[in-house]
Amino acid sequence: MERVDVAIVGGGPAGTTAAERAASHGAETVLFEQGVPREDRDGLGPDSTDAAGMLDYWIDIMDFDYREIPDEVIHRELEGTEFIGPNSAVTMTTTGMDATYPKFGYTFHRARMDDWLHERAADAGADLRVGTGVSDLETDLRSSSEKGPTHTLTLSNGDQIEAQYVILADGPQRRITLDALDQFTAPGRSVSDYLSPPEANHIAYQEYREFPPELFEEFEDMLKFWWGYMPGETAYPWIFPNDGTVARVGLTMPIGMDLEDVENPAAYALLESDDERIPSGSEYIRRLLELEYGDEYDIEEDIPLVEDRGKSKGTETYPISSTRPIDSPVGANIAVAGGAMGTTSAFHEGGYHVAVRTGKIAGRLAATDSLEHYNDVWKRAIGDEILRNVSFADIVRDYQPDDWDWAFDVVSDMQGNGTDNTLISKKYTAGIDAMKILASYKKRKYQYRDGKYVQLPEDQYLY
């Protein structure tokens, strides 16, 4: 049987950065990625679907010098973001975070970014097997290896491979992760109880649309988000400007939500009185474009789909986990990284930056026989980011349309004549409503302090 030091399941940002770090530190490293086709990629690659926006400080979280990233990866540099409520809006031109990147952020070509990380891993000496998936993973806790437990991976072609360390980076769908971790849970419990609760799962849908030049100019350097326009926990549409006059128009919405679960359907601009069910993603997008631009443009004629982009004729659908992260069973020589461990947030749309950073950490520690430190190290690296995400998501969980208008009015008052991200930077003037938001934010952060945002701690695994 073939044997390697480090085996990695999944070839997205967490997997490829893990492979690059492990190989760079001298470990014999193999990565398995089953691969999917895309309209905008030659050959197979990871399931590269994301709205693909990068904020300034996220680049630092990834532990990259922004000048390393190839120019062909970046679509557009951004000056800010606009949050639009039913009757109010707020614009921010800074994230309020210290960052080395000189702009607010940028939009980028997700597949090209993934492929660049793939090239870095290959150059470091990792064996990248795209087109070969993993169908099963079994751990031998009583292994005679002096380095502890070993693992047998069964591949999609029937072959088997043995590894000293395994890094699970198979994204929010977790095709291998759930069963692999269930080896170490108590009888009657499953890791899916933490990572896949139906009420917290989200789906995202996006379309590539060509906009008239004069319309595209209105948001060519801005991200646009509409809050309170569709029902559901952290459900919102967006527009991300890309290259030329193409933009991605998409949304995030809960899976399995029924119209009868909506408290006040008439309050949502993208619901209609004759709806019998929650609209599909494509219907939501059509309604958004009609609402915003239908008075001046024929949507299908003037803002058409760009069918040579994305996964399928200009459209993409992908899962987003809105759960909180879990620890890894490092005592079994396993690390879980990126979306597979629950770091992807439906609230801020994605988690590419934390996937990259957790992958780097897992790969380095596995290669240096130090994986037992993984859970502590990733918390030090991305804990503040996770803490912000889960705190904000809790605050807005039950927001209705009027609540979004109220919140944006408060933030506008807090900003005064500026556009600073006052809630994070704390440059605000006191007021009753401002203090309500800040107090709520601080309360949530306090509740999740010292890593309490982890929903499955390491000591709950059974070895």
Protein backbone atom coordinates (compact mmCIF):
# COMPACT_ATOMS: atom_id res chain seq x y z
CA MET A 1 0.00 0.00 0.00
CA GLU A 2 1.23 3.49 -0.85
CA ARG A 3 2.17 5.52 2.22
CA VAL A 4 2.57 9.29 2.67
CA ASP A 5 3.18 11.65 5.54
CA VAL A 6 0.20 13.96 4.91
CA ALA A 7 -2.98 13.27 2.94
CA ILE A 8 -5.37 16.11 2.18
CA VAL A 9 -9.01 15.68 1.17
CA GLY A 10 -10.20 18.61 -0.96
CA GLY A 11 -8.42 20.96 -3.34
CA GLY A 12 -10.00 24.33 -2.54
CA PRO A 13 -8.26 27.17 -0.71
CA ALA A 14 -7.86 25.27 2.57
CA GLY A 15 -6.62 22.09 0.91
CA THR A 16 -4.15 23.65 -1.51
CA THR A 17 -2.61 25.95 1.08
CA ALA A 18 -2.30 22.99 3.45
CA ALA A 19 -0.55 21.05 0.70
CA GLU A 20 1.81 23.92 -0.06
CA ARG A 21 2.78 24.39 3.59
CA ALA A 22 3.18 20.66 4.27
CA ALA A 23 5.32 20.08 1.20
CA SER A 24 7.39 23.21 1.89
CA HIS A 25 8.24 21.79 5.31
CA GLY A 26 9.50 18.55 3.82
CA ALA A 27 6.51 16.24 4.24
CA GLU A 28 5.57 13.77 1.54
CA THR A 29 2.17 15.25 0.72
CA VAL A 30 -0.70 14.12 -1.49
CA LEU A 31 -3.93 16.01 -2.15
CA PHE A 32 -7.10 14.48 -3.55
CA GLU A 33 -9.67 16.60 -5.37
CA GLN A 34 -12.52 14.97 -7.27
CA GLY A 35 -12.76 18.00 -9.55
CA VAL A 36 -15.66 19.69 -11.30
CA PRO A 37 -15.85 21.43 -14.69
CA ARG A 38 -16.46 25.15 -15.09
CA GLU A 39 -17.17 27.35 -18.07
CA ASP A 40 -14.21 29.58 -17.16
CA ARG A 41 -11.54 26.96 -16.37
CA ASP A 42 -9.57 24.59 -18.57
CA GLY A 43 -9.86 21.11 -17.14
CA LEU A 44 -11.12 19.98 -13.75
CA GLY A 45 -10.63 21.84 -10.50
CA PRO A 46 -12.17 22.40 -7.08
CA ASP A 47 -15.77 23.46 -6.74
CA SER A 48 -14.83 27.13 -7.07
CA THR A 49 -18.10 28.88 -6.33
CA ASP A 50 -18.15 32.01 -4.24
CA ALA A 51 -19.14 35.65 -4.58
CA ALA A 52 -15.37 36.22 -4.40
CA GLY A 53 -14.89 39.55 -2.71
CA MET A 54 -11.84 40.22 -0.57
CA LEU A 55 -11.72 42.94 2.12
CA ASP A 56 -8.45 44.67 2.94
CA TYR A 57 -7.72 43.00 6.28
CA TRP A 58 -8.74 39.58 4.98
CA ILE A 59 -5.55 39.55 2.89
CA ASP A 60 -3.57 39.87 6.12
CA ILE A 61 -5.61 37.08 7.70
CA MET A 62 -4.62 34.90 4.74
CA ASP A 63 -1.00 35.71 5.64
CA PHE A 64 -0.22 36.94 2.14
CA ASP A 65 1.59 40.02 0.98
CA TYR A 66 -1.07 41.48 -1.33
CA ARG A 67 1.63 42.07 -3.95
CA GLU A 68 2.08 38.30 -4.27
CA ILE A 69 -1.37 37.81 -5.74
CA PRO A 70 -1.29 37.80 -9.57
CA ASP A 71 -2.94 40.70 -11.37
CA GLU A 72 -5.07 38.35 -13.48
CA VAL A 73 -6.78 37.11 -10.32
CA ILE A 74 -8.14 40.55 -9.38
CA HIS A 75 -11.21 41.91 -11.16
CA ARG A 76 -11.75 45.32 -9.55
CA GLU A 77 -10.36 47.32 -6.67
CA LEU A 78 -13.10 48.52 -4.34
CA GLU A 79 -13.66 51.85 -2.62
CA GLY A 80 -16.41 50.72 -0.29
CA THR A 81 -19.71 48.97 0.20
CA GLU A 82 -23.34 50.08 0.28
CA PHE A 83 -25.89 48.47 2.58
CA ILE A 84 -29.43 49.12 1.39
CA GLY A 85 -32.50 48.71 3.57
CA PRO A 86 -36.15 49.02 2.52
CA ASN A 87 -36.18 52.76 3.29
CA SER A 88 -32.68 53.56 4.46
CA ALA A 89 -29.09 52.94 3.38
CA VAL A 90 -25.54 53.40 4.61
CA THR A 91 -22.22 53.51 2.75
CA MET A 92 -18.90 52.53 4.27
CA THR A 93 -15.53 53.27 2.68
CA THR A 94 -13.38 51.57 5.30
CA THR A 95 -13.60 48.27 7.11
CA GLY A 96 -12.35 49.98 10.25
CA MET A 97 -9.58 47.38 10.56
CA ASP A 98 -5.83 47.82 10.31
CA ALA A 99 -4.66 46.43 6.98
CA THR A 100 -1.71 46.58 4.62
CA TYR A 101 -3.80 46.64 1.43
CA PRO A 102 -4.34 50.29 0.45
CA LYS A 103 -7.94 49.96 -0.83
CA PHE A 104 -11.21 48.84 0.75
CA GLY A 105 -10.74 45.48 -0.98
CA TYR A 106 -11.24 43.90 -4.38
CA THR A 107 -13.37 41.42 -6.27
CA PHE A 108 -11.54 38.48 -7.76
CA HIS A 109 -11.85 35.54 -10.12
CA ARG A 110 -12.38 32.63 -7.78
CA ALA A 111 -11.28 29.88 -10.17
CA ARG A 112 -8.08 31.73 -11.07
CA MET A 113 -7.30 32.28 -7.39
CA ASP A 114 -7.84 28.59 -6.67
CA ASP A 115 -5.65 27.64 -9.62
CA TRP A 116 -2.88 29.97 -8.42
CA LEU A 117 -2.92 28.27 -5.00
CA HIS A 118 -2.86 24.93 -6.81
CA GLU A 119 0.27 26.00 -8.72
CA ARG A 120 1.97 27.10 -5.50
CA ALA A 121 1.32 23.70 -3.93
CA ALA A 122 2.64 21.88 -6.98
CA ASP A 123 5.77 24.05 -7.06
CA ALA A 124 6.37 23.20 -3.40
CA GLY A 125 6.43 19.50 -4.28
CA ALA A 126 2.93 18.35 -3.29
CA ASP A 127 1.36 15.52 -5.31
CA LEU A 128 -1.97 16.97 -6.49
CA ARG A 129 -4.36 14.35 -7.85
CA VAL A 130 -7.23 16.24 -9.42
CA GLY A 131 -9.94 13.95 -10.70
CA THR A 132 -9.46 11.45 -7.89
CA GLY A 133 -11.82 11.66 -4.95
CA VAL A 134 -11.83 9.96 -1.56
CA SER A 135 -14.71 7.63 -0.79
CA ASP A 136 -13.81 6.54 2.74
CA LEU A 137 -11.40 7.20 5.59
CA GLU A 138 -10.67 4.86 8.47
CA THR A 139 -8.43 5.69 11.41
CA ASP A 140 -6.32 3.16 13.29
CA LEU A 141 -6.09 4.57 16.82
CA ARG A 142 -3.95 1.61 17.93
CA SER A 143 -1.38 2.02 15.21
CA SER A 144 2.17 0.91 16.01
CA SER A 145 3.52 4.13 14.49
CA GLU A 146 5.64 6.11 16.92
CA LYS A 147 3.80 9.22 15.74
CA GLY A 148 0.41 7.90 16.78
CA PRO A 149 -2.74 6.99 14.82
CA THR A 150 -2.57 6.33 11.09
CA HIS A 151 -5.25 6.48 8.41
CA THR A 152 -6.34 4.45 5.44
CA LEU A 153 -8.00 6.40 2.64
CA THR A 154 -10.04 4.54 0.03
CA LEU A 155 -10.03 6.40 -3.26
CA SER A 156 -12.77 6.71 -5.84
CA ASN A 157 -10.86 4.37 -8.15
CA GLY A 158 -10.71 1.67 -5.46
CA ASP A 159 -7.06 2.17 -4.52
CA GLN A 160 -6.01 2.69 -0.92
CA ILE A 161 -3.35 4.88 0.63
CA GLU A 162 -2.02 5.12 4.16
CA ALA A 163 -1.21 8.46 5.79
CA GLN A 164 0.23 9.52 9.11
CA TYR A 165 -1.76 12.77 9.15
CA VAL A 166 -4.99 13.72 7.40
CA ILE A 167 -6.28 17.22 6.70
CA LEU A 168 -9.98 17.34 5.87
CA ALA A 169 -10.71 20.30 3.61
CA ASP A 170 -13.74 19.14 1.63
CA GLY A 171 -15.72 22.35 2.08
CA PRO A 172 -19.22 22.97 3.49
CA GLN A 173 -20.62 19.83 1.87
CA ARG A 174 -18.23 17.72 4.00
CA ARG A 175 -18.64 14.54 1.95
CA ILE A 176 -15.86 12.80 3.88
CA THR A 177 -15.51 14.92 7.01
CA LEU A 178 -18.76 13.97 8.72
CA ASP A 179 -18.27 10.20 8.58
CA ALA A 180 -14.56 10.52 9.31
CA LEU A 181 -15.19 12.48 12.50
CA ASP A 182 -18.08 10.29 13.57
CA GLN A 183 -15.46 7.65 14.40
CA PHE A 184 -14.72 9.72 17.49
CA THR A 185 -18.18 10.77 18.71
CA ALA A 186 -20.29 9.21 21.43
CA PRO A 187 -22.85 6.56 20.41
CA GLY A 188 -26.00 8.15 19.09
CA ARG A 189 -24.28 11.45 18.29
CA SER A 190 -22.91 12.71 14.99
CA VAL A 191 -20.76 15.62 13.97
CA SER A 192 -23.58 16.49 11.56
CA ASP A 193 -25.59 17.49 14.65
CA TYR A 194 -23.17 20.42 14.93
CA LEU A 195 -22.25 21.16 11.32
CA SER A 196 -25.45 20.41 9.42
CA PRO A 197 -28.52 21.45 11.43
CA PRO A 198 -31.27 22.15 8.87
CA GLU A 199 -32.28 25.45 10.44
CA ALA A 200 -28.79 26.89 9.93
CA ASN A 201 -27.96 25.71 6.41
CA HIS A 202 -27.96 28.23 3.59
CA ILE A 203 -27.80 28.07 -0.16
CA ALA A 204 -26.34 30.77 -2.37
CA TYR A 205 -27.20 31.44 -5.98
CA GLN A 206 -25.59 33.89 -8.37
CA GLU A 207 -25.73 34.95 -11.99
CA TYR A 208 -23.15 36.65 -14.18
CA ARG A 209 -24.85 39.63 -15.87
CA GLU A 210 -23.62 42.13 -18.44
CA PHE A 211 -24.69 45.65 -17.46
CA PRO A 212 -25.03 48.73 -19.67
CA PRO A 213 -21.85 50.83 -19.24
CA GLU A 214 -23.64 53.84 -17.77
CA LEU A 215 -25.38 51.64 -15.20
CA PHE A 216 -22.24 49.68 -14.33
CA GLU A 217 -20.43 52.94 -13.58
CA GLU A 218 -22.79 53.50 -10.66
CA PHE A 219 -21.28 50.60 -8.72
CA GLU A 220 -18.04 49.73 -10.53
CA ASP A 221 -15.96 50.11 -7.33
CA MET A 222 -18.61 49.24 -4.72
CA LEU A 223 -20.19 46.15 -3.28
CA LYS A 224 -23.97 46.42 -2.90
CA PHE A 225 -26.06 44.45 -0.40
CA TRP A 226 -29.83 44.61 0.13
CA TRP A 227 -30.97 43.77 3.65
CA GLY A 228 -34.60 43.28 4.71
CA TYR A 229 -35.72 42.57 1.14
CA MET A 230 -36.22 38.82 1.53
CA PRO A 231 -37.11 36.73 4.59
CA GLY A 232 -34.84 34.40 6.49
CA GLU A 233 -31.87 34.47 8.80
CA THR A 234 -29.01 36.29 7.02
CA ALA A 235 -30.89 36.26 3.71
CA TYR A 236 -29.86 39.02 1.31
CA PRO A 237 -29.11 39.78 -2.35
CA TRP A 238 -25.94 41.44 -3.61
CA ILE A 239 -24.11 42.82 -6.65
CA PHE A 240 -20.33 42.39 -7.04
CA PRO A 241 -18.63 44.26 -9.94
CA ASN A 242 -16.26 42.13 -12.02
CA ASP A 243 -14.24 42.71 -15.19
CA GLY A 244 -15.50 44.81 -18.08
CA THR A 245 -19.13 45.60 -17.33
CA VAL A 246 -19.94 42.16 -15.92
CA ALA A 247 -21.19 41.82 -12.36
CA ARG A 248 -22.22 38.89 -10.25
CA VAL A 249 -25.76 39.26 -8.97
CA GLY A 250 -26.57 36.79 -6.25
CA LEU A 251 -28.19 36.03 -2.93
CA THR A 252 -28.00 33.92 0.18
CA MET A 253 -31.10 32.24 1.59
CA PRO A 254 -31.98 29.50 4.10
CA ILE A 255 -32.58 25.99 2.83
CA GLY A 256 -36.09 24.61 3.30
CA MET A 257 -37.83 27.79 4.41
CA ASP A 258 -41.61 27.82 3.89
CA LEU A 259 -43.71 30.88 3.18
CA GLU A 260 -45.93 30.11 6.19
CA ASP A 261 -42.83 30.58 8.38
CA VAL A 262 -42.63 34.24 7.35
CA GLU A 263 -44.16 36.52 9.96
CA ASN A 264 -45.08 39.42 7.66
CA PRO A 265 -44.64 38.56 3.96
CA ALA A 266 -45.98 41.92 2.78
CA ALA A 267 -43.04 43.70 4.44
CA TYR A 268 -40.51 42.14 2.04
CA ALA A 269 -39.96 43.90 -1.26
CA LEU A 270 -39.01 40.72 -3.11
CA LEU A 271 -42.11 38.78 -2.08
CA GLU A 272 -45.35 39.20 -4.01
CA SER A 273 -48.94 38.90 -2.76
CA ASP A 274 -49.72 35.90 -4.97
CA ASP A 275 -46.63 33.89 -3.95
CA GLU A 276 -47.55 30.40 -2.78
CA ARG A 277 -43.98 29.50 -1.80
CA ILE A 278 -40.59 31.09 -1.29
CA PRO A 279 -39.27 32.13 -4.72
CA SER A 280 -36.35 30.37 -6.32
CA GLY A 281 -32.96 32.05 -6.44
CA SER A 282 -33.34 32.98 -10.10
CA GLU A 283 -36.78 34.47 -9.47
CA TYR A 284 -35.45 36.51 -6.56
CA ILE A 285 -32.69 37.88 -8.80
CA ARG A 286 -35.17 38.77 -11.55
CA ARG A 287 -37.34 40.63 -9.04
CA LEU A 288 -34.36 42.50 -7.60
CA LEU A 289 -33.20 43.69 -10.99
CA GLU A 290 -36.73 44.66 -11.96
CA LEU A 291 -37.17 46.56 -8.71
CA GLU A 292 -33.89 48.45 -9.01
CA TYR A 293 -33.52 48.95 -12.75
CA GLY A 294 -36.75 47.85 -14.45
CA ASP A 295 -38.07 51.39 -14.92
CA GLU A 296 -35.23 52.23 -17.31
CA TYR A 297 -34.07 48.89 -18.68
CA ASP A 298 -35.47 45.70 -20.13
CA ILE A 299 -33.75 43.27 -17.77
CA GLU A 300 -33.34 40.28 -20.07
CA GLU A 301 -32.40 42.39 -23.09
CA ASP A 302 -30.26 45.08 -21.45
CA ILE A 303 -28.77 43.10 -18.52
CA PRO A 304 -28.38 39.61 -20.03
CA LEU A 305 -26.78 36.49 -18.59
CA VAL A 306 -23.16 35.89 -19.59
CA GLU A 307 -23.33 32.20 -20.37
CA ASP A 308 -19.61 31.47 -20.73
CA ARG A 309 -18.99 32.22 -17.04
CA GLY A 310 -19.41 30.21 -13.87
CA LYS A 311 -20.43 26.60 -13.42
CA SER A 312 -23.43 26.34 -15.70
CA LYS A 313 -24.31 28.86 -18.42
CA GLY A 314 -23.62 31.92 -16.33
CA THR A 315 -25.13 30.66 -13.07
CA GLU A 316 -23.80 29.07 -9.89
CA THR A 317 -25.42 27.45 -6.89
CA TYR A 318 -23.44 26.50 -3.81
CA PRO A 319 -23.94 25.73 -0.12
CA ILE A 320 -22.94 28.05 2.69
CA SER A 321 -22.66 26.89 6.27
CA SER A 322 -23.95 29.33 8.84
CA THR A 323 -22.82 27.17 11.74
CA ARG A 324 -20.05 27.96 14.19
CA PRO A 325 -16.68 26.20 13.89
CA ILE A 326 -15.64 22.96 15.53
CA ASP A 327 -12.33 21.80 16.97
CA SER A 328 -10.43 18.99 15.27
CA PRO A 329 -9.67 15.54 16.75
CA VAL A 330 -5.96 16.24 16.77
CA GLY A 331 -5.37 13.29 19.10
CA ALA A 332 -6.30 11.14 16.11
CA ASN A 333 -3.84 13.03 13.85
CA ILE A 334 -6.68 14.75 11.97
CA ALA A 335 -7.17 18.45 11.28
CA VAL A 336 -10.28 19.95 9.71
CA ALA A 337 -9.76 23.22 7.84
CA GLY A 338 -11.81 25.89 6.11
CA GLY A 339 -15.47 25.44 5.31
CA ALA A 340 -15.42 21.81 6.41
CA MET A 341 -14.85 22.93 10.02
CA GLY A 342 -17.66 25.51 9.91
CA THR A 343 -15.72 28.74 9.33
CA THR A 344 -17.74 29.82 6.29
CA SER A 345 -20.25 32.48 7.26
CA ALA A 346 -23.56 33.19 5.55
CA PHE A 347 -23.51 36.58 7.28
CA HIS A 348 -20.48 38.00 5.47
CA GLU A 349 -20.80 35.79 2.38
CA GLY A 350 -18.09 33.21 2.33
CA GLY A 351 -14.88 32.46 4.15
CA TYR A 352 -12.05 32.24 1.64
CA HIS A 353 -9.62 34.09 3.89
CA VAL A 354 -10.11 31.85 6.91
CA ALA A 355 -9.94 28.76 4.70
CA VAL A 356 -6.53 29.83 3.42
CA ARG A 357 -5.21 30.60 6.90
CA THR A 358 -6.48 27.42 8.56
CA GLY A 359 -5.11 25.38 5.67
CA LYS A 360 -1.68 26.96 6.05
CA ILE A 361 -1.67 26.27 9.78
CA ALA A 362 -2.82 22.66 9.42
CA GLY A 363 -0.28 21.88 6.70
CA ARG A 364 2.66 23.34 8.60
CA LEU A 365 1.81 21.63 11.87
CA ALA A 366 1.16 18.26 10.24
CA ALA A 367 4.49 18.39 8.43
CA THR A 368 6.37 19.19 11.63
CA ASP A 369 4.64 16.54 13.78
CA SER A 370 3.00 19.31 15.81
CA LEU A 371 -0.65 18.82 14.88
CA GLU A 372 -1.65 18.58 18.54
CA HIS A 373 -1.34 22.38 18.67
CA TYR A 374 -3.69 23.02 15.75
CA ASN A 375 -6.82 23.97 17.70
CA ASP A 376 -4.93 26.52 19.76
CA VAL A 377 -3.03 28.01 16.82
CA TRP A 378 -6.01 28.54 14.53
CA LYS A 379 -7.89 30.28 17.33
CA ARG A 380 -5.03 32.72 17.81
CA ALA A 381 -4.90 33.37 14.06
CA ILE A 382 -8.59 33.78 13.16
CA GLY A 383 -10.40 33.83 16.51
CA ASP A 384 -11.13 37.55 16.41
CA GLU A 385 -12.63 37.23 12.94
CA ILE A 386 -14.83 34.31 13.96
CA LEU A 387 -15.88 36.18 17.10
CA ARG A 388 -17.02 39.19 15.03
CA ASN A 389 -18.91 37.03 12.57
CA VAL A 390 -20.86 34.97 15.07
CA SER A 391 -21.61 38.04 17.20
CA PHE A 392 -23.02 40.07 14.30
CA ALA A 393 -24.95 37.07 12.98
CA ASP A 394 -26.59 36.65 16.39
CA ILE A 395 -27.55 40.32 16.57
CA VAL A 396 -29.36 40.33 13.22
CA ARG A 397 -30.77 36.80 13.40
CA ASP A 398 -34.37 37.93 13.93
CA TYR A 399 -34.24 41.30 12.17
CA GLN A 400 -37.34 42.30 10.23
CA PRO A 401 -37.30 44.91 7.41
CA ASP A 402 -38.00 47.80 9.82
CA ASP A 403 -35.10 46.67 12.00
CA TRP A 404 -32.68 47.03 9.10
CA ASP A 405 -33.89 50.57 8.41
CA TRP A 406 -33.45 51.40 12.08
CA ALA A 407 -29.95 49.92 12.19
CA PHE A 408 -28.79 51.74 9.05
CA ASP A 409 -30.19 55.02 10.36
CA VAL A 410 -28.28 54.48 13.60
CA VAL A 411 -25.03 53.72 11.80
CA SER A 412 -25.51 56.80 9.60
CA ASP A 413 -25.97 58.95 12.71
CA MET A 414 -22.91 57.36 14.30
CA GLN A 415 -20.83 58.13 11.21
CA GLY A 416 -21.89 61.75 11.02
CA ASN A 417 -20.23 63.22 7.93
CA GLY A 418 -17.80 60.30 7.62
CA THR A 419 -18.10 56.79 6.23
CA ASP A 420 -16.09 54.89 8.83
CA ASN A 421 -17.15 51.44 10.00
CA THR A 422 -17.99 52.86 13.38
CA LEU A 423 -19.30 49.71 15.02
CA ILE A 424 -15.98 47.92 14.66
CA SER A 425 -13.62 50.89 14.99
CA LYS A 426 -15.62 52.32 17.94
CA LYS A 427 -15.36 55.87 16.61
CA TYR A 428 -18.92 56.80 17.48
CA THR A 429 -20.94 59.40 19.30
CA ALA A 430 -23.09 58.19 22.16
CA GLY A 431 -26.83 57.92 21.74
CA ILE A 432 -29.52 55.61 23.01
CA ASP A 433 -29.92 53.66 19.77
CA ALA A 434 -26.17 53.56 19.16
CA MET A 435 -25.61 52.22 22.63
CA LYS A 436 -28.24 49.52 22.06
CA ILE A 437 -26.33 48.19 19.07
CA LEU A 438 -22.96 48.44 20.74
CA ALA A 439 -24.20 46.86 23.97
CA SER A 440 -25.73 43.97 22.04
CA TYR A 441 -22.51 43.46 20.09
CA LYS A 442 -20.36 43.50 23.23
CA LYS A 443 -22.72 41.10 24.99
CA ARG A 444 -22.46 38.56 22.17
CA LYS A 445 -18.68 38.90 22.06
CA TYR A 446 -18.50 38.35 25.80
CA GLN A 447 -20.65 35.23 25.55
CA TYR A 448 -18.28 33.77 22.96
CA ARG A 449 -15.04 34.89 24.64
CA ASP A 450 -12.11 32.52 25.13
CA GLY A 451 -13.08 30.35 22.19
CA LYS A 452 -16.65 29.68 23.32
CA TYR A 453 -17.77 30.14 19.70
CA VAL A 454 -16.48 26.58 19.14
CA GLN A 455 -19.51 24.32 19.19
CA LEU A 456 -17.67 20.99 19.36
CA PRO A 457 -14.57 21.31 21.57
CA GLU A 458 -11.64 18.96 21.31
CA ASP A 459 -12.33 17.27 24.66
CA GLN A 460 -15.66 15.92 23.34
CA TYR A 461 -13.93 13.51 20.94
CA LEU A 462 -13.49 9.91 22.08
CA TYR A 463 -10.19 8.20 21.29
